[in-house]
Amino acid sequence: VPVVTAMLDTVLVALILSNFVLLGSSRLSSCIRTAALQGIMAGLLPLATAGAGLSLRIVALGLAVVALKGFVFPHLLNRALRESATSREVQPFVGYTPSLLAGLLALAASFWLDGRLALPTHSASSILVPVSFSLMFTGIFLLVARRTAVNQVLGYIVLENGIYAFSLAVVRDIPFLVELGVLMDMFVAVFVMGIAIYRINSEFDHIDSDRLSTLKG
């Protein structure tokens, strides 16, 4: 059990660090790679939280998460980025230093919420719930504080990683078909977003979401 707990805590700390890399990175390609690594770490969570109860079902879930979030989604986003022929810079509404400060505040708020809510948890680590909150807050921040559609897709993925981690912390057993259904929904969403990014760029020569608000009917 101590080994499992140490492994889980290591993965959770790496998830927190990946949040700060996403908030502080100025290159979209770097953000995509970081989101891919975060997806792989998210795939390791069910394996680490299972401990002695590791089963074929849990291994299959972990492999599915790693395959989709670590490889398929980043590939789709990289292809959309190449085909859009737009700036590779993040172009944030909120600067990088304020973004990192917001990440620190979100992390502190996550631990505060965990203490106030006193949720029943079934995980091997006491920090899984605050880390899941931190992922959710970071995902929401990326959605509203970044200009390009690619970065907003990354925010959506990080938000889902947080929801996924939270479910592992508070629910002991989720039906396997439900888990696969959520992953397939995410696959379709990212696939459609990739097509939308390409179409937006082909029509308007940019993928800055804030500039779309200037369109008149």
C-alpha atoms as a PDB file:
ATOM      1  CA  VAL A   1       0.000   0.000   0.000  1.00  0.00           C
ATOM      2  CA  PRO A   2       2.752   2.574   0.751  1.00  0.00           C
ATOM      3  CA  VAL A   3       4.238   1.903  -2.710  1.00  0.00           C
ATOM      4  CA  VAL A   4       0.835   2.399  -4.353  1.00  0.00           C
ATOM      5  CA  THR A   5       0.280   5.596  -2.379  1.00  0.00           C
ATOM      6  CA  ALA A   6       3.710   6.917  -3.351  1.00  0.00           C
ATOM      7  CA  MET A   7       3.030   6.119  -7.018  1.00  0.00           C
ATOM      8  CA  LEU A   8      -0.359   7.845  -6.890  1.00  0.00           C
ATOM      9  CA  ASP A   9       1.046  10.924  -5.144  1.00  0.00           C
ATOM     10  CA  THR A  10       3.805  11.151  -7.770  1.00  0.00           C
ATOM     11  CA  VAL A  11       1.244  11.076 -10.574  1.00  0.00           C
ATOM     12  CA  LEU A  12      -0.868  13.715  -8.813  1.00  0.00           C
ATOM     13  CA  VAL A  13       2.089  16.055  -8.292  1.00  0.00           C
ATOM     14  CA  ALA A  14       2.967  15.631 -11.974  1.00  0.00           C
ATOM     15  CA  LEU A  15      -0.614  16.578 -12.883  1.00  0.00           C
ATOM     16  CA  ILE A  16      -0.311  19.764 -10.827  1.00  0.00           C
ATOM     17  CA  LEU A  17       2.994  20.635 -12.515  1.00  0.00           C
ATOM     18  CA  SER A  18       1.462  20.026 -15.945  1.00  0.00           C
ATOM     19  CA  ASN A  19      -1.237  22.576 -15.081  1.00  0.00           C
ATOM     20  CA  PHE A  20       1.409  25.234 -14.486  1.00  0.00           C
ATOM     21  CA  VAL A  21       3.217  24.327 -17.717  1.00  0.00           C
ATOM     22  CA  LEU A  22      -0.047  24.793 -19.631  1.00  0.00           C
ATOM     23  CA  LEU A  23      -0.649  28.137 -17.936  1.00  0.00           C
ATOM     24  CA  GLY A  24       2.882  29.412 -18.519  1.00  0.00           C
ATOM     25  CA  SER A  25       3.708  28.063 -21.983  1.00  0.00           C
ATOM     26  CA  SER A  26       3.737  30.460 -24.944  1.00  0.00           C
ATOM     27  CA  ARG A  27       3.759  27.822 -27.709  1.00  0.00           C
ATOM     28  CA  LEU A  28       0.691  25.859 -28.782  1.00  0.00           C
ATOM     29  CA  SER A  29       2.782  22.822 -29.744  1.00  0.00           C
ATOM     30  CA  SER A  30       4.259  22.734 -26.232  1.00  0.00           C
ATOM     31  CA  CYS A  31       0.763  22.998 -24.743  1.00  0.00           C
ATOM     32  CA  ILE A  32      -0.421  20.066 -26.861  1.00  0.00           C
ATOM     33  CA  ARG A  33       2.534  17.931 -25.755  1.00  0.00           C
ATOM     34  CA  THR A  34       1.902  18.825 -22.123  1.00  0.00           C
ATOM     35  CA  ALA A  35      -1.792  17.955 -22.469  1.00  0.00           C
ATOM     36  CA  ALA A  36      -0.752  14.621 -24.001  1.00  0.00           C
ATOM     37  CA  LEU A  37       1.495  13.871 -21.007  1.00  0.00           C
ATOM     38  CA  GLN A  38      -1.330  14.894 -18.690  1.00  0.00           C
ATOM     39  CA  GLY A  39      -3.631  12.500 -20.531  1.00  0.00           C
ATOM     40  CA  ILE A  40      -1.151   9.648 -20.056  1.00  0.00           C
ATOM     41  CA  MET A  41      -0.931  10.437 -16.344  1.00  0.00           C
ATOM     42  CA  ALA A  42      -4.732  10.516 -16.148  1.00  0.00           C
ATOM     43  CA  GLY A  43      -4.727   7.040 -17.667  1.00  0.00           C
ATOM     44  CA  LEU A  44      -2.445   5.859 -14.872  1.00  0.00           C
ATOM     45  CA  LEU A  45      -4.833   7.090 -12.165  1.00  0.00           C
ATOM     46  CA  PRO A  46      -7.252   4.113 -12.219  1.00  0.00           C
ATOM     47  CA  LEU A  47      -4.259   1.745 -12.062  1.00  0.00           C
ATOM     48  CA  ALA A  48      -2.771   3.614  -9.097  1.00  0.00           C
ATOM     49  CA  THR A  49      -6.064   3.969  -7.213  1.00  0.00           C
ATOM     50  CA  ALA A  50      -6.993   0.296  -7.678  1.00  0.00           C
ATOM     51  CA  GLY A  51      -4.101  -1.025  -5.601  1.00  0.00           C
ATOM     52  CA  ALA A  52      -4.598  -4.704  -4.812  1.00  0.00           C
ATOM     53  CA  GLY A  53      -7.985  -4.632  -6.561  1.00  0.00           C
ATOM     54  CA  LEU A  54      -6.426  -4.253 -10.019  1.00  0.00           C
ATOM     55  CA  SER A  55      -8.505  -6.044 -12.671  1.00  0.00           C
ATOM     56  CA  LEU A  56      -8.645  -6.473 -16.437  1.00  0.00           C
ATOM     57  CA  ARG A  57     -11.482  -3.932 -16.575  1.00  0.00           C
ATOM     58  CA  ILE A  58      -9.367  -1.264 -14.836  1.00  0.00           C
ATOM     59  CA  VAL A  59      -6.355  -1.998 -17.044  1.00  0.00           C
ATOM     60  CA  ALA A  60      -8.541  -1.697 -20.164  1.00  0.00           C
ATOM     61  CA  LEU A  61      -9.906   1.640 -18.957  1.00  0.00           C
ATOM     62  CA  GLY A  62      -6.406   2.969 -18.258  1.00  0.00           C
ATOM     63  CA  LEU A  63      -5.151   1.879 -21.674  1.00  0.00           C
ATOM     64  CA  ALA A  64      -8.160   3.481 -23.393  1.00  0.00           C
ATOM     65  CA  VAL A  65      -7.551   6.791 -21.601  1.00  0.00           C
ATOM     66  CA  VAL A  66      -3.829   6.708 -22.414  1.00  0.00           C
ATOM     67  CA  ALA A  67      -4.493   5.897 -26.090  1.00  0.00           C
ATOM     68  CA  LEU A  68      -7.117   8.615 -26.598  1.00  0.00           C
ATOM     69  CA  LYS A  69      -5.790  11.447 -24.433  1.00  0.00           C
ATOM     70  CA  GLY A  70      -2.103  10.686 -24.819  1.00  0.00           C
ATOM     71  CA  PHE A  71      -1.982   9.998 -28.558  1.00  0.00           C
ATOM     72  CA  VAL A  72      -5.229  10.321 -30.547  1.00  0.00           C
ATOM     73  CA  PHE A  73      -6.371  13.735 -29.269  1.00  0.00           C
ATOM     74  CA  PRO A  74      -2.887  15.335 -29.528  1.00  0.00           C
ATOM     75  CA  HIS A  75      -2.537  13.956 -33.071  1.00  0.00           C
ATOM     76  CA  LEU A  76      -5.866  15.502 -34.102  1.00  0.00           C
ATOM     77  CA  LEU A  77      -4.937  18.837 -32.524  1.00  0.00           C
ATOM     78  CA  ASN A  78      -1.463  18.881 -34.083  1.00  0.00           C
ATOM     79  CA  ARG A  79      -2.984  18.161 -37.491  1.00  0.00           C
ATOM     80  CA  ALA A  80      -5.535  20.948 -37.015  1.00  0.00           C
ATOM     81  CA  LEU A  81      -2.707  23.287 -35.985  1.00  0.00           C
ATOM     82  CA  ARG A  82      -0.621  22.406 -39.066  1.00  0.00           C
ATOM     83  CA  GLU A  83      -3.518  22.740 -41.485  1.00  0.00           C
ATOM     84  CA  SER A  84      -4.738  26.008 -40.010  1.00  0.00           C
ATOM     85  CA  ALA A  85      -1.454  27.748 -40.948  1.00  0.00           C
ATOM     86  CA  THR A  86      -2.010  30.216 -38.112  1.00  0.00           C
ATOM     87  CA  SER A  87       0.246  31.602 -35.399  1.00  0.00           C
ATOM     88  CA  ARG A  88       1.832  28.984 -33.159  1.00  0.00           C
ATOM     89  CA  GLU A  89       1.744  31.376 -30.225  1.00  0.00           C
ATOM     90  CA  VAL A  90      -0.846  30.985 -27.451  1.00  0.00           C
ATOM     91  CA  GLN A  91      -1.980  34.654 -27.650  1.00  0.00           C
ATOM     92  CA  PRO A  92      -3.629  34.812 -24.209  1.00  0.00           C
ATOM     93  CA  PHE A  93      -6.236  37.274 -23.005  1.00  0.00           C
ATOM     94  CA  VAL A  94      -4.524  36.985 -19.599  1.00  0.00           C
ATOM     95  CA  GLY A  95      -0.711  37.164 -19.510  1.00  0.00           C
ATOM     96  CA  TYR A  96       1.495  34.272 -18.484  1.00  0.00           C
ATOM     97  CA  THR A  97       2.526  35.605 -15.073  1.00  0.00           C
ATOM     98  CA  PRO A  98      -1.091  36.410 -14.052  1.00  0.00           C
ATOM     99  CA  SER A  99      -2.082  32.993 -15.415  1.00  0.00           C
ATOM    100  CA  LEU A 100       0.466  31.274 -13.165  1.00  0.00           C
ATOM    101  CA  LEU A 101      -0.748  33.322 -10.198  1.00  0.00           C
ATOM    102  CA  ALA A 102      -4.306  32.277 -11.037  1.00  0.00           C
ATOM    103  CA  GLY A 103      -3.103  28.673 -11.085  1.00  0.00           C
ATOM    104  CA  LEU A 104      -1.606  29.066  -7.608  1.00  0.00           C
ATOM    105  CA  LEU A 105      -4.838  30.607  -6.317  1.00  0.00           C
ATOM    106  CA  ALA A 106      -6.839  27.800  -7.926  1.00  0.00           C
ATOM    107  CA  LEU A 107      -4.628  25.198  -6.239  1.00  0.00           C
ATOM    108  CA  ALA A 108      -5.022  26.881  -2.846  1.00  0.00           C
ATOM    109  CA  ALA A 109      -8.786  27.157  -3.373  1.00  0.00           C
ATOM    110  CA  SER A 110      -8.889  23.454  -4.296  1.00  0.00           C
ATOM    111  CA  PHE A 111      -7.347  22.405  -0.983  1.00  0.00           C
ATOM    112  CA  TRP A 112      -9.650  24.814   0.863  1.00  0.00           C
ATOM    113  CA  LEU A 113     -12.715  23.357  -0.884  1.00  0.00           C
ATOM    114  CA  ASP A 114     -11.586  19.829  -0.093  1.00  0.00           C
ATOM    115  CA  GLY A 115     -11.421  20.699   3.603  1.00  0.00           C
ATOM    116  CA  ARG A 116     -14.797  22.441   3.626  1.00  0.00           C
ATOM    117  CA  LEU A 117     -16.786  19.874   1.637  1.00  0.00           C
ATOM    118  CA  ALA A 118     -15.541  16.808   3.537  1.00  0.00           C
ATOM    119  CA  LEU A 119     -16.427  14.487   0.657  1.00  0.00           C
ATOM    120  CA  PRO A 120     -16.376  10.711   1.144  1.00  0.00           C
ATOM    121  CA  THR A 121     -13.356   9.391  -0.753  1.00  0.00           C
ATOM    122  CA  HIS A 122     -12.239   5.908  -1.699  1.00  0.00           C
ATOM    123  CA  SER A 123      -8.784   6.689  -3.080  1.00  0.00           C
ATOM    124  CA  ALA A 124      -5.365   5.838  -1.701  1.00  0.00           C
ATOM    125  CA  SER A 125      -4.335   9.505  -1.590  1.00  0.00           C
ATOM    126  CA  SER A 126      -5.776  12.407   0.362  1.00  0.00           C
ATOM    127  CA  ILE A 127      -4.796  14.917  -2.328  1.00  0.00           C
ATOM    128  CA  LEU A 128      -6.705  13.335  -5.246  1.00  0.00           C
ATOM    129  CA  VAL A 129      -9.814  15.483  -4.662  1.00  0.00           C
ATOM    130  CA  PRO A 130      -7.948  18.835  -4.470  1.00  0.00           C
ATOM    131  CA  VAL A 131      -5.893  17.909  -7.529  1.00  0.00           C
ATOM    132  CA  SER A 132      -9.090  17.103  -9.429  1.00  0.00           C
ATOM    133  CA  PHE A 133     -10.521  20.493  -8.431  1.00  0.00           C
ATOM    134  CA  SER A 134      -7.293  22.152  -9.578  1.00  0.00           C
ATOM    135  CA  LEU A 135      -7.569  20.445 -12.980  1.00  0.00           C
ATOM    136  CA  MET A 136     -11.164  21.620 -13.344  1.00  0.00           C
ATOM    137  CA  PHE A 137     -10.298  25.214 -12.422  1.00  0.00           C
ATOM    138  CA  THR A 138      -7.324  25.215 -14.811  1.00  0.00           C
ATOM    139  CA  GLY A 139      -9.453  23.834 -17.637  1.00  0.00           C
ATOM    140  CA  ILE A 140     -12.114  26.505 -17.121  1.00  0.00           C
ATOM    141  CA  PHE A 141      -9.427  29.207 -16.972  1.00  0.00           C
ATOM    142  CA  LEU A 142      -7.905  28.032 -20.279  1.00  0.00           C
ATOM    143  CA  LEU A 143     -11.342  28.066 -21.880  1.00  0.00           C
ATOM    144  CA  VAL A 144     -11.986  31.724 -21.014  1.00  0.00           C
ATOM    145  CA  ALA A 145      -8.467  33.206 -20.927  1.00  0.00           C
ATOM    146  CA  ARG A 146      -7.004  32.009 -24.245  1.00  0.00           C
ATOM    147  CA  ARG A 147      -7.723  33.326 -27.735  1.00  0.00           C
ATOM    148  CA  THR A 148      -7.153  30.394 -30.069  1.00  0.00           C
ATOM    149  CA  ALA A 149      -9.613  27.572 -30.553  1.00  0.00           C
ATOM    150  CA  VAL A 150      -6.842  24.975 -30.150  1.00  0.00           C
ATOM    151  CA  ASN A 151      -6.045  26.179 -26.637  1.00  0.00           C
ATOM    152  CA  GLN A 152      -9.727  26.217 -25.757  1.00  0.00           C
ATOM    153  CA  VAL A 153      -9.969  22.578 -26.847  1.00  0.00           C
ATOM    154  CA  LEU A 154      -7.041  21.870 -24.522  1.00  0.00           C
ATOM    155  CA  GLY A 155      -8.945  23.614 -21.739  1.00  0.00           C
ATOM    156  CA  TYR A 156     -11.902  21.333 -22.398  1.00  0.00           C
ATOM    157  CA  ILE A 157      -9.645  18.274 -22.168  1.00  0.00           C
ATOM    158  CA  VAL A 158      -8.042  19.464 -18.904  1.00  0.00           C
ATOM    159  CA  LEU A 159     -11.506  20.141 -17.460  1.00  0.00           C
ATOM    160  CA  GLU A 160     -12.579  16.599 -18.347  1.00  0.00           C
ATOM    161  CA  ASN A 161      -9.380  15.230 -16.762  1.00  0.00           C
ATOM    162  CA  GLY A 162     -10.424  16.940 -13.537  1.00  0.00           C
ATOM    163  CA  ILE A 163     -13.944  15.502 -13.676  1.00  0.00           C
ATOM    164  CA  TYR A 164     -12.465  12.080 -14.423  1.00  0.00           C
ATOM    165  CA  ALA A 165     -10.056  12.289 -11.450  1.00  0.00           C
ATOM    166  CA  PHE A 166     -12.858  13.482  -9.175  1.00  0.00           C
ATOM    167  CA  SER A 167     -15.021  10.502 -10.133  1.00  0.00           C
ATOM    168  CA  LEU A 168     -12.170   8.134  -9.253  1.00  0.00           C
ATOM    169  CA  ALA A 169     -11.882   9.800  -5.839  1.00  0.00           C
ATOM    170  CA  VAL A 170     -15.534   9.759  -4.743  1.00  0.00           C
ATOM    171  CA  VAL A 171     -17.118   6.831  -6.623  1.00  0.00           C
ATOM    172  CA  ARG A 172     -15.900   3.340  -5.906  1.00  0.00           C
ATOM    173  CA  ASP A 173     -17.224   1.628  -9.023  1.00  0.00           C
ATOM    174  CA  ILE A 174     -18.399   3.252 -12.270  1.00  0.00           C
ATOM    175  CA  PRO A 175     -19.936   0.980 -14.952  1.00  0.00           C
ATOM    176  CA  PHE A 176     -17.371   0.259 -17.649  1.00  0.00           C
ATOM    177  CA  LEU A 177     -19.767   1.122 -20.488  1.00  0.00           C
ATOM    178  CA  VAL A 178     -20.376   4.550 -18.921  1.00  0.00           C
ATOM    179  CA  GLU A 179     -16.624   5.184 -18.786  1.00  0.00           C
ATOM    180  CA  LEU A 180     -16.159   4.162 -22.420  1.00  0.00           C
ATOM    181  CA  GLY A 181     -19.176   6.258 -23.388  1.00  0.00           C
ATOM    182  CA  VAL A 182     -17.590   9.355 -21.837  1.00  0.00           C
ATOM    183  CA  LEU A 183     -14.312   8.673 -23.658  1.00  0.00           C
ATOM    184  CA  MET A 184     -16.113   8.253 -26.977  1.00  0.00           C
ATOM    185  CA  ASP A 185     -18.031  11.488 -26.381  1.00  0.00           C
ATOM    186  CA  MET A 186     -14.703  13.237 -25.847  1.00  0.00           C
ATOM    187  CA  PHE A 187     -13.268  11.655 -28.992  1.00  0.00           C
ATOM    188  CA  VAL A 188     -16.187  12.882 -31.083  1.00  0.00           C
ATOM    189  CA  ALA A 189     -16.035  16.338 -29.477  1.00  0.00           C
ATOM    190  CA  VAL A 190     -12.305  16.772 -30.169  1.00  0.00           C
ATOM    191  CA  PHE A 191     -12.692  15.379 -33.698  1.00  0.00           C
ATOM    192  CA  VAL A 192     -15.514  17.808 -34.461  1.00  0.00           C
ATOM    193  CA  MET A 193     -13.551  20.687 -32.885  1.00  0.00           C
ATOM    194  CA  GLY A 194     -10.584  19.839 -35.118  1.00  0.00           C
ATOM    195  CA  ILE A 195     -12.804  20.031 -38.210  1.00  0.00           C
ATOM    196  CA  ALA A 196     -14.321  23.290 -36.949  1.00  0.00           C
ATOM    197  CA  ILE A 197     -10.867  24.793 -36.385  1.00  0.00           C
ATOM    198  CA  TYR A 198      -9.863  23.928 -39.946  1.00  0.00           C
ATOM    199  CA  ARG A 199     -13.077  25.337 -41.404  1.00  0.00           C
ATOM    200  CA  ILE A 200     -12.850  28.548 -39.355  1.00  0.00           C
ATOM    201  CA  ASN A 201      -9.293  29.111 -40.554  1.00  0.00           C
ATOM    202  CA  SER A 202     -10.121  28.368 -44.194  1.00  0.00           C
ATOM    203  CA  GLU A 203     -12.933  30.926 -44.150  1.00  0.00           C
ATOM    204  CA  PHE A 204     -11.451  33.669 -41.954  1.00  0.00           C
ATOM    205  CA  ASP A 205      -7.632  33.087 -42.067  1.00  0.00           C
ATOM    206  CA  HIS A 206      -7.413  32.845 -38.282  1.00  0.00           C
ATOM    207  CA  ILE A 207      -8.649  30.785 -35.346  1.00  0.00           C
ATOM    208  CA  ASP A 208      -8.899  33.593 -32.796  1.00  0.00           C
ATOM    209  CA  SER A 209     -12.268  33.006 -31.163  1.00  0.00           C
ATOM    210  CA  ASP A 210     -12.575  36.608 -29.938  1.00  0.00           C
ATOM    211  CA  ARG A 211     -12.496  37.967 -33.491  1.00  0.00           C
ATOM    212  CA  LEU A 212     -15.546  35.874 -34.422  1.00  0.00           C
ATOM    213  CA  SER A 213     -17.679  38.123 -32.198  1.00  0.00           C
ATOM    214  CA  THR A 214     -17.187  40.952 -34.698  1.00  0.00           C
ATOM    215  CA  LEU A 215     -19.110  39.094 -37.392  1.00  0.00           C
ATOM    216  CA  LYS A 216     -22.452  40.640 -38.279  1.00  0.00           C
ATOM    217  CA  GLY A 217     -25.482  38.706 -39.502  1.00  0.00           C
END
